[in-house]
Amino acid sequence: MKKIFIIVFAFVALTKPVLAKVTESLELNEFKVASESVQFLAKVKITKVEAFQEDDNSEKHVYYADVLSTYKGKPIKSLNYDMYVEAGEDVIFNSEPVYIALCVDESGNFYWPGTGSEFKSSLAIESWLTEHKKEVATISDSIGWCK
């Protein structure tokens, strides 16, 4: 029994770093896709969220954020963006800085393009952005999520 426990413990200890790397790699790949698919990409700190009931029984969440770094789009200090969700869906409010990928409408207002548009801060994303900052700023969103 003790040998089985040691084997299982060793297996978990050895595979955990591999799984973490795979997860980090998947998140970075999703981040790269997002950076190519939107008009605005930034690291932000969410400061407030307001929820409004819409006539069609959906909800509009308005997120307010301080912009820590802009990677794609016009550099700004703060922003707000709209997210439309099903009625009763929880407001997600993270006080830790996150990366967001947003669309911009004809009036210059930001809006949420959908799932896969917010990313936790990670060393992999930070490193990739440091290496590719100029390229990210000029990537066209012609095949993007904002049409």
C-alpha atoms as a PDB file:
ATOM      1  CA  MET A   1       0.000   0.000   0.000  1.00  0.00           C
ATOM      2  CA  LYS A   2       2.848   2.356   0.880  1.00  0.00           C
ATOM      3  CA  LYS A   3       4.487   1.699  -2.524  1.00  0.00           C
ATOM      4  CA  ILE A   4       1.247   2.526  -4.326  1.00  0.00           C
ATOM      5  CA  PHE A   5       0.929   5.771  -2.396  1.00  0.00           C
ATOM      6  CA  ILE A   6       4.526   6.725  -3.239  1.00  0.00           C
ATOM      7  CA  ILE A   7       4.002   5.892  -6.925  1.00  0.00           C
ATOM      8  CA  VAL A   8       0.784   7.924  -7.090  1.00  0.00           C
ATOM      9  CA  PHE A   9       2.418  10.832  -5.256  1.00  0.00           C
ATOM     10  CA  ALA A  10       5.421  10.757  -7.610  1.00  0.00           C
ATOM     11  CA  PHE A  11       3.151  10.592 -10.662  1.00  0.00           C
ATOM     12  CA  VAL A  12       1.124  13.598  -9.512  1.00  0.00           C
ATOM     13  CA  ALA A  13       4.270  15.530  -8.605  1.00  0.00           C
ATOM     14  CA  LEU A  14       5.780  14.852 -12.028  1.00  0.00           C
ATOM     15  CA  THR A  15       2.674  15.537 -14.126  1.00  0.00           C
ATOM     16  CA  LYS A  16       1.473  18.689 -12.364  1.00  0.00           C
ATOM     17  CA  PRO A  17       4.163  20.968 -13.914  1.00  0.00           C
ATOM     18  CA  VAL A  18       3.468  19.460 -17.342  1.00  0.00           C
ATOM     19  CA  LEU A  19      -0.261  20.129 -17.010  1.00  0.00           C
ATOM     20  CA  ALA A  20       0.451  23.687 -15.850  1.00  0.00           C
ATOM     21  CA  LYS A  21       2.619  24.281 -18.944  1.00  0.00           C
ATOM     22  CA  VAL A  22      -0.080  22.857 -21.240  1.00  0.00           C
ATOM     23  CA  THR A  23      -2.720  25.087 -19.634  1.00  0.00           C
ATOM     24  CA  GLU A  24      -0.452  28.128 -19.904  1.00  0.00           C
ATOM     25  CA  SER A  25       0.246  27.327 -23.555  1.00  0.00           C
ATOM     26  CA  LEU A  26      -3.472  27.001 -24.337  1.00  0.00           C
ATOM     27  CA  GLU A  27      -4.212  30.330 -22.632  1.00  0.00           C
ATOM     28  CA  LEU A  28      -1.409  32.031 -24.572  1.00  0.00           C
ATOM     29  CA  ASN A  29      -2.743  30.618 -27.852  1.00  0.00           C
ATOM     30  CA  GLU A  30      -6.239  31.895 -27.018  1.00  0.00           C
ATOM     31  CA  PHE A  31      -4.731  35.291 -26.147  1.00  0.00           C
ATOM     32  CA  LYS A  32      -2.937  35.413 -29.509  1.00  0.00           C
ATOM     33  CA  VAL A  33      -6.198  34.680 -31.335  1.00  0.00           C
ATOM     34  CA  ALA A  34      -7.958  37.411 -29.353  1.00  0.00           C
ATOM     35  CA  SER A  35      -5.203  39.932 -30.135  1.00  0.00           C
ATOM     36  CA  GLU A  36      -5.744  39.283 -33.856  1.00  0.00           C
ATOM     37  CA  SER A  37      -9.540  39.423 -33.630  1.00  0.00           C
ATOM     38  CA  VAL A  38     -10.331  42.750 -31.937  1.00  0.00           C
ATOM     39  CA  GLN A  39      -9.596  46.453 -32.249  1.00  0.00           C
ATOM     40  CA  PHE A  40      -8.494  47.074 -28.651  1.00  0.00           C
ATOM     41  CA  LEU A  41      -6.251  45.084 -26.319  1.00  0.00           C
ATOM     42  CA  ALA A  42      -5.179  46.258 -22.866  1.00  0.00           C
ATOM     43  CA  LYS A  43      -4.278  45.295 -19.332  1.00  0.00           C
ATOM     44  CA  VAL A  44      -6.862  46.789 -16.974  1.00  0.00           C
ATOM     45  CA  LYS A  45      -8.058  46.857 -13.398  1.00  0.00           C
ATOM     46  CA  ILE A  46     -11.847  46.656 -13.186  1.00  0.00           C
ATOM     47  CA  THR A  47     -13.124  49.322 -10.783  1.00  0.00           C
ATOM     48  CA  LYS A  48     -16.906  48.983 -10.995  1.00  0.00           C
ATOM     49  CA  VAL A  49     -19.678  47.017 -12.693  1.00  0.00           C
ATOM     50  CA  GLU A  50     -23.285  48.116 -13.146  1.00  0.00           C
ATOM     51  CA  ALA A  51     -26.111  45.805 -14.257  1.00  0.00           C
ATOM     52  CA  PHE A  52     -29.226  46.946 -16.133  1.00  0.00           C
ATOM     53  CA  GLN A  53     -32.310  44.948 -17.118  1.00  0.00           C
ATOM     54  CA  GLU A  54     -33.058  45.226 -20.857  1.00  0.00           C
ATOM     55  CA  ASP A  55     -36.500  45.113 -22.515  1.00  0.00           C
ATOM     56  CA  ASP A  56     -35.820  41.688 -24.040  1.00  0.00           C
ATOM     57  CA  ASN A  57     -35.148  40.155 -20.585  1.00  0.00           C
ATOM     58  CA  SER A  58     -31.406  40.169 -21.130  1.00  0.00           C
ATOM     59  CA  GLU A  59     -29.074  42.190 -18.941  1.00  0.00           C
ATOM     60  CA  LYS A  60     -26.503  44.788 -19.853  1.00  0.00           C
ATOM     61  CA  HIS A  61     -23.423  44.870 -17.645  1.00  0.00           C
ATOM     62  CA  VAL A  62     -21.311  47.995 -17.886  1.00  0.00           C
ATOM     63  CA  TYR A  63     -17.723  47.485 -16.738  1.00  0.00           C
ATOM     64  CA  TYR A  64     -15.535  50.427 -15.722  1.00  0.00           C
ATOM     65  CA  ALA A  65     -11.762  50.020 -15.645  1.00  0.00           C
ATOM     66  CA  ASP A  66      -8.478  51.823 -15.229  1.00  0.00           C
ATOM     67  CA  VAL A  67      -6.197  51.047 -18.158  1.00  0.00           C
ATOM     68  CA  LEU A  68      -2.744  49.969 -16.988  1.00  0.00           C
ATOM     69  CA  SER A  69      -1.267  49.328 -20.463  1.00  0.00           C
ATOM     70  CA  THR A  70      -2.671  49.587 -23.981  1.00  0.00           C
ATOM     71  CA  TYR A  71      -1.283  47.114 -26.514  1.00  0.00           C
ATOM     72  CA  LYS A  72      -3.646  47.638 -29.444  1.00  0.00           C
ATOM     73  CA  GLY A  73      -5.830  50.660 -30.122  1.00  0.00           C
ATOM     74  CA  LYS A  74      -5.701  54.238 -28.924  1.00  0.00           C
ATOM     75  CA  PRO A  75      -3.914  54.587 -25.549  1.00  0.00           C
ATOM     76  CA  ILE A  76      -6.326  55.744 -22.830  1.00  0.00           C
ATOM     77  CA  LYS A  77      -6.324  55.982 -19.032  1.00  0.00           C
ATOM     78  CA  SER A  78      -9.799  54.593 -18.316  1.00  0.00           C
ATOM     79  CA  LEU A  79     -12.686  53.006 -20.174  1.00  0.00           C
ATOM     80  CA  ASN A  80     -16.063  51.427 -19.864  1.00  0.00           C
ATOM     81  CA  TYR A  81     -17.496  48.644 -21.989  1.00  0.00           C
ATOM     82  CA  ASP A  82     -20.838  46.919 -22.406  1.00  0.00           C
ATOM     83  CA  MET A  83     -21.466  43.219 -22.030  1.00  0.00           C
ATOM     84  CA  TYR A  84     -24.885  41.722 -22.823  1.00  0.00           C
ATOM     85  CA  VAL A  85     -25.745  38.555 -20.906  1.00  0.00           C
ATOM     86  CA  GLU A  86     -28.726  36.353 -20.107  1.00  0.00           C
ATOM     87  CA  ALA A  87     -30.990  37.609 -17.341  1.00  0.00           C
ATOM     88  CA  GLY A  88     -29.754  36.530 -13.923  1.00  0.00           C
ATOM     89  CA  GLU A  89     -26.192  35.851 -15.033  1.00  0.00           C
ATOM     90  CA  ASP A  90     -23.692  36.753 -12.326  1.00  0.00           C
ATOM     91  CA  VAL A  91     -21.621  39.890 -12.572  1.00  0.00           C
ATOM     92  CA  ILE A  92     -17.973  38.874 -12.722  1.00  0.00           C
ATOM     93  CA  PHE A  93     -15.780  41.366 -10.912  1.00  0.00           C
ATOM     94  CA  ASN A  94     -12.101  40.625 -10.526  1.00  0.00           C
ATOM     95  CA  SER A  95      -9.990  43.115  -8.575  1.00  0.00           C
ATOM     96  CA  GLU A  96      -6.751  41.686 -10.014  1.00  0.00           C
ATOM     97  CA  PRO A  97      -5.470  43.183 -13.273  1.00  0.00           C
ATOM     98  CA  VAL A  98      -6.603  41.280 -16.367  1.00  0.00           C
ATOM     99  CA  TYR A  99      -6.088  41.520 -20.097  1.00  0.00           C
ATOM    100  CA  ILE A 100      -9.187  42.371 -22.106  1.00  0.00           C
ATOM    101  CA  ALA A 101      -9.817  42.173 -25.832  1.00  0.00           C
ATOM    102  CA  LEU A 102     -12.596  44.541 -26.905  1.00  0.00           C
ATOM    103  CA  CYS A 103     -14.394  45.708 -30.019  1.00  0.00           C
ATOM    104  CA  VAL A 104     -15.135  49.347 -30.837  1.00  0.00           C
ATOM    105  CA  ASP A 105     -18.419  50.383 -32.498  1.00  0.00           C
ATOM    106  CA  GLU A 106     -18.930  53.179 -35.057  1.00  0.00           C
ATOM    107  CA  SER A 107     -19.417  55.712 -32.238  1.00  0.00           C
ATOM    108  CA  GLY A 108     -16.149  54.759 -30.544  1.00  0.00           C
ATOM    109  CA  ASN A 109     -17.827  52.832 -27.711  1.00  0.00           C
ATOM    110  CA  PHE A 110     -16.195  49.650 -26.432  1.00  0.00           C
ATOM    111  CA  TYR A 111     -18.109  46.383 -26.281  1.00  0.00           C
ATOM    112  CA  TRP A 112     -17.412  42.812 -25.239  1.00  0.00           C
ATOM    113  CA  PRO A 113     -17.082  40.452 -28.235  1.00  0.00           C
ATOM    114  CA  GLY A 114     -17.816  37.305 -26.201  1.00  0.00           C
ATOM    115  CA  THR A 115     -16.268  34.445 -24.293  1.00  0.00           C
ATOM    116  CA  GLY A 116     -12.508  34.244 -24.592  1.00  0.00           C
ATOM    117  CA  SER A 117     -11.971  37.994 -24.308  1.00  0.00           C
ATOM    118  CA  GLU A 118     -10.581  38.220 -20.771  1.00  0.00           C
ATOM    119  CA  PHE A 119      -7.305  36.696 -19.629  1.00  0.00           C
ATOM    120  CA  LYS A 120      -5.643  36.401 -16.245  1.00  0.00           C
ATOM    121  CA  SER A 121      -2.252  38.016 -15.986  1.00  0.00           C
ATOM    122  CA  SER A 122       0.483  35.442 -16.553  1.00  0.00           C
ATOM    123  CA  LEU A 123       4.200  35.320 -17.177  1.00  0.00           C
ATOM    124  CA  ALA A 124       3.606  33.676 -20.568  1.00  0.00           C
ATOM    125  CA  ILE A 125       1.346  36.504 -21.768  1.00  0.00           C
ATOM    126  CA  GLU A 126       3.636  39.192 -20.314  1.00  0.00           C
ATOM    127  CA  SER A 127       6.674  37.678 -22.046  1.00  0.00           C
ATOM    128  CA  TRP A 128       4.879  37.287 -25.357  1.00  0.00           C
ATOM    129  CA  LEU A 129       3.617  40.889 -25.248  1.00  0.00           C
ATOM    130  CA  THR A 130       7.089  42.181 -24.424  1.00  0.00           C
ATOM    131  CA  GLU A 131       8.516  40.358 -27.443  1.00  0.00           C
ATOM    132  CA  HIS A 132       5.664  41.248 -29.840  1.00  0.00           C
ATOM    133  CA  LYS A 133       4.414  44.661 -28.676  1.00  0.00           C
ATOM    134  CA  LYS A 134       4.976  46.404 -32.040  1.00  0.00           C
ATOM    135  CA  GLU A 135       3.391  43.593 -34.040  1.00  0.00           C
ATOM    136  CA  VAL A 136       0.343  43.438 -31.749  1.00  0.00           C
ATOM    137  CA  ALA A 137      -0.255  47.180 -32.114  1.00  0.00           C
ATOM    138  CA  THR A 138      -0.437  46.892 -35.898  1.00  0.00           C
ATOM    139  CA  ILE A 139      -2.305  43.593 -36.336  1.00  0.00           C
ATOM    140  CA  SER A 140      -5.395  44.075 -38.485  1.00  0.00           C
ATOM    141  CA  ASP A 141      -8.668  42.646 -37.194  1.00  0.00           C
ATOM    142  CA  SER A 142     -10.005  42.002 -40.711  1.00  0.00           C
ATOM    143  CA  ILE A 143     -10.969  38.412 -39.839  1.00  0.00           C
ATOM    144  CA  GLY A 144     -12.089  39.411 -36.389  1.00  0.00           C
ATOM    145  CA  TRP A 145     -14.872  39.158 -33.892  1.00  0.00           C
ATOM    146  CA  CYS A 146     -16.037  42.764 -34.285  1.00  0.00           C
ATOM    147  CA  LYS A 147     -17.967  42.619 -37.558  1.00  0.00           C
END
